[in-house]
Structures are given as structure tokens and as C-alpha cells.
Amino acid sequence: MRHMSEDTIILPAVPVKPPGLPLVPALSIAALAASIAALVLFMQLSQRTQALAAATSQATQLSTDLARSRQRATELETLLAARQVELDSALMAKLPVDIIFRVADGGSGFVAHFQNHSAAGLNLIVNPRRPSSGEYAKIELPVAPQASADVTEKLGWVFRSGDTLTVSAGDYRPLSLQVP
């Protein structure tokens, strides 16, 4: 048998490391790359957040402008309708009726006396209103040509000072007045 001499030492096998980058510098480079990527993503997120805030602000302003424009359009439509009524009224002939108030029998108010100056009979629509109480009525009053008729208590209304009155007939311009 062979003897080994005592001057020989047997060492355990050590794995051989493949050539390449050392582990710590490689991890450092990977961490730096991840940090740069995170910074770029954060900057993009910040830019998109600012763009979203600006778009939201612009949408809010546009909604406010639209609401104002709609309100103005409504106001203009109302004004146009009122002007159209004025124009239509100006084109209509004046109602050929005089109205005179006299004290009612018994002194409990006034009687409205309507004098028709037209050569044709008129079917007057008399709308009295009492602003103090909110009462109102609609009275149809036929008046013969060149004749007169009265609105009295028998027709359902006794006029009082402060009452308002609107009278209309056919294609004539309505007449409005207040009882003295």
C-alpha cells in the first residue's frame, strides 16, 4: 500500500465563480435603474395629474359659461315675446269703448259703465281683480252698437277703489285701468 506522506494536504473543492460582474455592483446598478424608472413614472404621473386638474377646471368653467348662456337665452326669449306682444298690441285697433265709474246705489262701491262707440256690437270680456284680497272674476258683457252697459252687483262684481280692470273684445287691443 501506498502511504501518503504527511506533507500532502487535501483541501475541499471550492466552486469556481464564473467570470462577470461582481454581485454588489450589479445589484447597485439594478437599484439605480429602478430608481430612475420610478422617478420617470412619478414625473409622468405628476404631469398627467396637472393636465387632469387643468381639464377639470376648464370643464367647470365651460359648464358655468353654458349655464350663463342658457340663462341669457331664456331672458332674451322672454324679452322677445314681450316685444312681440307689444308689437301685436300696437298693430291692433284701440278698443272703441269708454269706461266711467259711478257710485253704486246704496254707496257700497262703484258701478262700471261701458259706452260702445262702434257701429258694431261688442262682446266685452271684463276681468276685474281686487289686489288686496286676490279676488278676480271673468264677466262677459254684450254691448249693442252705439249703446252702453253696466257691470253691477247683479253681474257678480262691485268695484272698489284700487281694483284693477282689463277689458278685451275680438281683435281690439285690450284696455287696462285701475278704479280710482
C-alpha atoms as a PDB file:
ATOM      1  CA  MET A   1       0.000   0.000   0.000  1.00  0.00           C
ATOM      2  CA  ARG A   2       0.993   3.281  -0.524  1.00  0.00           C
ATOM      3  CA  HIS A   3       1.352   5.774   2.154  1.00  0.00           C
ATOM      4  CA  MET A   4       0.756   9.254   1.848  1.00  0.00           C
ATOM      5  CA  SER A   5       3.249  11.462   3.113  1.00  0.00           C
ATOM      6  CA  GLU A   6       2.458  13.821   5.748  1.00  0.00           C
ATOM      7  CA  ASP A   7       3.357  16.793   3.795  1.00  0.00           C
ATOM      8  CA  THR A   8       0.357  16.464   1.474  1.00  0.00           C
ATOM      9  CA  ILE A   9      -2.750  18.379   2.434  1.00  0.00           C
ATOM     10  CA  ILE A  10      -6.053  17.643   0.827  1.00  0.00           C
ATOM     11  CA  LEU A  11      -8.369  20.658   0.560  1.00  0.00           C
ATOM     12  CA  PRO A  12     -12.091  20.573  -0.031  1.00  0.00           C
ATOM     13  CA  ALA A  13     -13.302  21.510  -3.504  1.00  0.00           C
ATOM     14  CA  VAL A  14     -14.313  25.174  -3.891  1.00  0.00           C
ATOM     15  CA  PRO A  15     -16.791  26.083  -6.582  1.00  0.00           C
ATOM     16  CA  VAL A  16     -15.322  28.253  -9.260  1.00  0.00           C
ATOM     17  CA  LYS A  17     -17.104  31.573  -9.804  1.00  0.00           C
ATOM     18  CA  PRO A  18     -17.917  32.312 -13.424  1.00  0.00           C
ATOM     19  CA  PRO A  19     -16.375  35.448 -14.768  1.00  0.00           C
ATOM     20  CA  GLY A  20     -18.695  38.528 -14.850  1.00  0.00           C
ATOM     21  CA  LEU A  21     -19.753  41.442 -12.722  1.00  0.00           C
ATOM     22  CA  PRO A  22     -19.387  41.217  -9.045  1.00  0.00           C
ATOM     23  CA  LEU A  23     -22.760  40.813  -7.277  1.00  0.00           C
ATOM     24  CA  VAL A  24     -22.831  44.070  -5.255  1.00  0.00           C
ATOM     25  CA  PRO A  25     -22.086  46.384  -8.189  1.00  0.00           C
ATOM     26  CA  ALA A  26     -24.702  44.564 -10.320  1.00  0.00           C
ATOM     27  CA  LEU A  27     -27.370  44.999  -7.638  1.00  0.00           C
ATOM     28  CA  SER A  28     -26.409  48.662  -7.268  1.00  0.00           C
ATOM     29  CA  ILE A  29     -26.839  49.234 -10.997  1.00  0.00           C
ATOM     30  CA  ALA A  30     -30.230  47.459 -10.949  1.00  0.00           C
ATOM     31  CA  ALA A  31     -31.388  49.573  -7.969  1.00  0.00           C
ATOM     32  CA  LEU A  32     -30.246  52.762  -9.723  1.00  0.00           C
ATOM     33  CA  ALA A  33     -32.121  51.761 -12.902  1.00  0.00           C
ATOM     34  CA  ALA A  34     -35.278  51.021 -10.871  1.00  0.00           C
ATOM     35  CA  SER A  35     -34.968  54.383  -9.093  1.00  0.00           C
ATOM     36  CA  ILE A  36     -34.615  56.223 -12.400  1.00  0.00           C
ATOM     37  CA  ALA A  37     -37.632  54.366 -13.828  1.00  0.00           C
ATOM     38  CA  ALA A  38     -39.669  55.192 -10.695  1.00  0.00           C
ATOM     39  CA  LEU A  39     -38.651  58.872 -10.960  1.00  0.00           C
ATOM     40  CA  VAL A  40     -39.677  58.994 -14.634  1.00  0.00           C
ATOM     41  CA  LEU A  41     -43.033  57.356 -13.820  1.00  0.00           C
ATOM     42  CA  PHE A  42     -43.584  59.778 -10.925  1.00  0.00           C
ATOM     43  CA  MET A  43     -42.861  62.758 -13.183  1.00  0.00           C
ATOM     44  CA  GLN A  44     -45.274  61.414 -15.817  1.00  0.00           C
ATOM     45  CA  LEU A  45     -47.923  60.871 -13.133  1.00  0.00           C
ATOM     46  CA  SER A  46     -47.390  64.416 -11.859  1.00  0.00           C
ATOM     47  CA  GLN A  47     -47.749  65.834 -15.381  1.00  0.00           C
ATOM     48  CA  ARG A  48     -50.912  63.815 -16.003  1.00  0.00           C
ATOM     49  CA  THR A  49     -52.368  64.923 -12.646  1.00  0.00           C
ATOM     50  CA  GLN A  50     -51.714  68.554 -13.556  1.00  0.00           C
ATOM     51  CA  ALA A  51     -53.260  68.031 -17.003  1.00  0.00           C
ATOM     52  CA  LEU A  52     -56.321  66.379 -15.414  1.00  0.00           C
ATOM     53  CA  ALA A  53     -56.701  69.259 -12.942  1.00  0.00           C
ATOM     54  CA  ALA A  54     -56.470  71.784 -15.784  1.00  0.00           C
ATOM     55  CA  ALA A  55     -59.024  69.859 -17.854  1.00  0.00           C
ATOM     56  CA  THR A  56     -61.379  69.630 -14.860  1.00  0.00           C
ATOM     57  CA  SER A  57     -61.054  73.367 -14.241  1.00  0.00           C
ATOM     58  CA  GLN A  58     -61.726  74.082 -17.912  1.00  0.00           C
ATOM     59  CA  ALA A  59     -64.792  71.784 -17.892  1.00  0.00           C
ATOM     60  CA  THR A  60     -66.134  73.545 -14.794  1.00  0.00           C
ATOM     61  CA  GLN A  61     -65.627  76.947 -16.430  1.00  0.00           C
ATOM     62  CA  LEU A  62     -67.337  75.762 -19.607  1.00  0.00           C
ATOM     63  CA  SER A  63     -70.293  74.439 -17.581  1.00  0.00           C
ATOM     64  CA  THR A  64     -70.603  77.794 -15.823  1.00  0.00           C
ATOM     65  CA  ASP A  65     -70.411  79.632 -19.156  1.00  0.00           C
ATOM     66  CA  LEU A  66     -73.049  77.310 -20.631  1.00  0.00           C
ATOM     67  CA  ALA A  67     -75.412  77.918 -17.682  1.00  0.00           C
ATOM     68  CA  ARG A  68     -74.941  81.692 -18.087  1.00  0.00           C
ATOM     69  CA  SER A  69     -75.570  81.436 -21.820  1.00  0.00           C
ATOM     70  CA  ARG A  70     -78.732  79.407 -21.284  1.00  0.00           C
ATOM     71  CA  GLN A  71     -79.990  81.926 -18.720  1.00  0.00           C
ATOM     72  CA  ARG A  72     -79.264  84.801 -21.108  1.00  0.00           C
ATOM     73  CA  ALA A  73     -81.023  82.959 -23.954  1.00  0.00           C
ATOM     74  CA  THR A  74     -84.086  82.497 -21.725  1.00  0.00           C
ATOM     75  CA  GLU A  75     -84.028  86.195 -20.818  1.00  0.00           C
ATOM     76  CA  LEU A  76     -83.769  87.150 -24.485  1.00  0.00           C
ATOM     77  CA  GLU A  77     -86.624  84.801 -25.425  1.00  0.00           C
ATOM     78  CA  THR A  78     -88.801  86.387 -22.721  1.00  0.00           C
ATOM     79  CA  LEU A  79     -87.867  89.871 -23.907  1.00  0.00           C
ATOM     80  CA  LEU A  80     -88.599  88.890 -27.495  1.00  0.00           C
ATOM     81  CA  ALA A  81     -92.016  87.502 -26.513  1.00  0.00           C
ATOM     82  CA  ALA A  82     -92.819  90.720 -24.621  1.00  0.00           C
ATOM     83  CA  ARG A  83     -91.744  92.816 -27.622  1.00  0.00           C
ATOM     84  CA  GLN A  84     -93.892  90.653 -29.886  1.00  0.00           C
ATOM     85  CA  VAL A  85     -96.903  91.257 -27.617  1.00  0.00           C
ATOM     86  CA  GLU A  86     -96.162  94.998 -27.677  1.00  0.00           C
ATOM     87  CA  LEU A  87     -95.886  94.935 -31.452  1.00  0.00           C
ATOM     88  CA  ASP A  88     -99.099  92.935 -31.820  1.00  0.00           C
ATOM     89  CA  SER A  89    -100.852  95.349 -29.444  1.00  0.00           C
ATOM     90  CA  ALA A  90     -99.567  98.357 -31.369  1.00  0.00           C
ATOM     91  CA  LEU A  91    -100.933  96.907 -34.589  1.00  0.00           C
ATOM     92  CA  MET A  92    -104.341  96.229 -33.057  1.00  0.00           C
ATOM     93  CA  ALA A  93    -107.009  98.922 -33.123  1.00  0.00           C
ATOM     94  CA  LYS A  94    -107.910 100.711 -29.907  1.00  0.00           C
ATOM     95  CA  LEU A  95    -110.999  99.312 -28.167  1.00  0.00           C
ATOM     96  CA  PRO A  96    -113.818 101.780 -29.040  1.00  0.00           C
ATOM     97  CA  VAL A  97    -115.191 101.855 -25.506  1.00  0.00           C
ATOM     98  CA  ASP A  98    -115.225 104.498 -22.772  1.00  0.00           C
ATOM     99  CA  ILE A  99    -115.418 103.312 -19.157  1.00  0.00           C
ATOM    100  CA  ILE A 100    -116.856 105.505 -16.431  1.00  0.00           C
ATOM    101  CA  PHE A 101    -117.217 104.571 -12.750  1.00  0.00           C
ATOM    102  CA  ARG A 102    -120.108 105.904 -10.708  1.00  0.00           C
ATOM    103  CA  VAL A 103    -121.132 105.281  -7.118  1.00  0.00           C
ATOM    104  CA  ALA A 104    -123.402 102.261  -6.797  1.00  0.00           C
ATOM    105  CA  ASP A 105    -126.891 102.583  -5.339  1.00  0.00           C
ATOM    106  CA  GLY A 106    -126.517 102.396  -1.580  1.00  0.00           C
ATOM    107  CA  GLY A 107    -122.920 103.653  -1.753  1.00  0.00           C
ATOM    108  CA  SER A 108    -121.395 100.157  -1.345  1.00  0.00           C
ATOM    109  CA  GLY A 109    -118.844 100.574  -4.141  1.00  0.00           C
ATOM    110  CA  PHE A 110    -118.802 101.537  -7.804  1.00  0.00           C
ATOM    111  CA  VAL A 111    -120.608 100.505 -10.992  1.00  0.00           C
ATOM    112  CA  ALA A 112    -118.580 100.338 -14.216  1.00  0.00           C
ATOM    113  CA  HIS A 113    -120.379 101.937 -17.177  1.00  0.00           C
ATOM    114  CA  PHE A 114    -119.191 100.853 -20.661  1.00  0.00           C
ATOM    115  CA  GLN A 115    -120.085 103.044 -23.685  1.00  0.00           C
ATOM    116  CA  ASN A 116    -119.627 101.360 -27.107  1.00  0.00           C
ATOM    117  CA  HIS A 117    -118.703 103.936 -29.803  1.00  0.00           C
ATOM    118  CA  SER A 118    -118.525 101.308 -32.547  1.00  0.00           C
ATOM    119  CA  ALA A 119    -121.071 100.746 -35.308  1.00  0.00           C
ATOM    120  CA  ALA A 120    -120.938  97.046 -34.414  1.00  0.00           C
ATOM    121  CA  GLY A 121    -121.962  95.215 -31.284  1.00  0.00           C
ATOM    122  CA  LEU A 122    -119.147  94.148 -28.969  1.00  0.00           C
ATOM    123  CA  ASN A 123    -118.910  91.162 -26.681  1.00  0.00           C
ATOM    124  CA  LEU A 124    -116.667  92.592 -23.937  1.00  0.00           C
ATOM    125  CA  ILE A 125    -114.687  90.298 -21.664  1.00  0.00           C
ATOM    126  CA  VAL A 126    -114.323  92.166 -18.375  1.00  0.00           C
ATOM    127  CA  ASN A 127    -111.721  90.849 -15.921  1.00  0.00           C
ATOM    128  CA  PRO A 128    -111.863  92.707 -12.604  1.00  0.00           C
ATOM    129  CA  ARG A 129    -109.271  91.950  -9.910  1.00  0.00           C
ATOM    130  CA  ARG A 130    -109.028  93.000  -6.295  1.00  0.00           C
ATOM    131  CA  PRO A 131    -105.289  93.038  -5.444  1.00  0.00           C
ATOM    132  CA  SER A 132    -105.919  93.458  -1.710  1.00  0.00           C
ATOM    133  CA  SER A 133    -107.656  90.065  -1.446  1.00  0.00           C
ATOM    134  CA  GLY A 134    -106.653  88.294  -4.661  1.00  0.00           C
ATOM    135  CA  GLU A 135    -110.282  88.014  -5.805  1.00  0.00           C
ATOM    136  CA  TYR A 136    -110.948  88.104  -9.532  1.00  0.00           C
ATOM    137  CA  ALA A 137    -113.748  87.402 -11.971  1.00  0.00           C
ATOM    138  CA  LYS A 138    -114.461  86.984 -15.660  1.00  0.00           C
ATOM    139  CA  ILE A 139    -117.624  88.707 -16.868  1.00  0.00           C
ATOM    140  CA  GLU A 140    -118.972  88.560 -20.433  1.00  0.00           C
ATOM    141  CA  LEU A 141    -120.790  91.782 -21.255  1.00  0.00           C
ATOM    142  CA  PRO A 142    -122.536  92.192 -24.624  1.00  0.00           C
ATOM    143  CA  VAL A 143    -122.883  95.850 -25.666  1.00  0.00           C
ATOM    144  CA  ALA A 144    -125.013  96.833 -28.674  1.00  0.00           C
ATOM    145  CA  PRO A 145    -123.676  99.268 -31.307  1.00  0.00           C
ATOM    146  CA  GLN A 146    -123.587 102.874 -30.087  1.00  0.00           C
ATOM    147  CA  ALA A 147    -125.045 101.711 -26.750  1.00  0.00           C
ATOM    148  CA  SER A 148    -123.910 101.181 -23.188  1.00  0.00           C
ATOM    149  CA  ALA A 149    -123.996  98.501 -20.476  1.00  0.00           C
ATOM    150  CA  ASP A 150    -123.043  98.336 -16.802  1.00  0.00           C
ATOM    151  CA  VAL A 151    -121.230  95.859 -14.580  1.00  0.00           C
ATOM    152  CA  THR A 152    -123.104  95.842 -11.298  1.00  0.00           C
ATOM    153  CA  GLU A 153    -123.562  93.597  -8.318  1.00  0.00           C
ATOM    154  CA  LYS A 154    -126.161  91.671 -10.363  1.00  0.00           C
ATOM    155  CA  LEU A 155    -123.364  90.507 -12.687  1.00  0.00           C
ATOM    156  CA  GLY A 156    -121.256  89.425  -9.716  1.00  0.00           C
ATOM    157  CA  TRP A 157    -118.906  92.320  -9.007  1.00  0.00           C
ATOM    158  CA  VAL A 158    -118.986  95.565  -7.069  1.00  0.00           C
ATOM    159  CA  PHE A 159    -115.943  97.683  -7.818  1.00  0.00           C
ATOM    160  CA  ARG A 160    -113.908  99.231  -5.009  1.00  0.00           C
ATOM    161  CA  SER A 161    -111.205 101.833  -5.124  1.00  0.00           C
ATOM    162  CA  GLY A 162    -107.885 100.146  -6.030  1.00  0.00           C
ATOM    163  CA  ASP A 163    -109.443  97.313  -8.066  1.00  0.00           C
ATOM    164  CA  THR A 164    -107.885  96.722 -11.470  1.00  0.00           C
ATOM    165  CA  LEU A 165    -109.783  96.032 -14.639  1.00  0.00           C
ATOM    166  CA  THR A 166    -108.849  94.535 -18.010  1.00  0.00           C
ATOM    167  CA  VAL A 167    -111.338  94.712 -20.877  1.00  0.00           C
ATOM    168  CA  SER A 168    -110.904  92.907 -24.184  1.00  0.00           C
ATOM    169  CA  ALA A 169    -113.006  92.252 -27.269  1.00  0.00           C
ATOM    170  CA  GLY A 170    -112.195  90.463 -30.511  1.00  0.00           C
ATOM    171  CA  ASP A 171    -109.228  91.874 -32.428  1.00  0.00           C
ATOM    172  CA  TYR A 172    -109.049  95.087 -30.414  1.00  0.00           C
ATOM    173  CA  ARG A 173    -106.129  95.994 -28.182  1.00  0.00           C
ATOM    174  CA  PRO A 174    -107.043  95.182 -24.535  1.00  0.00           C
ATOM    175  CA  LEU A 175    -107.631  98.055 -22.170  1.00  0.00           C
ATOM    176  CA  SER A 176    -106.383  98.043 -18.555  1.00  0.00           C
ATOM    177  CA  LEU A 177    -107.096 100.548 -15.800  1.00  0.00           C
ATOM    178  CA  GLN A 178    -107.429 100.959 -12.059  1.00  0.00           C
ATOM    179  CA  VAL A 179    -110.577 102.048 -10.214  1.00  0.00           C
ATOM    180  CA  PRO A 180    -109.957 105.472  -8.658  1.00  0.00           C
END
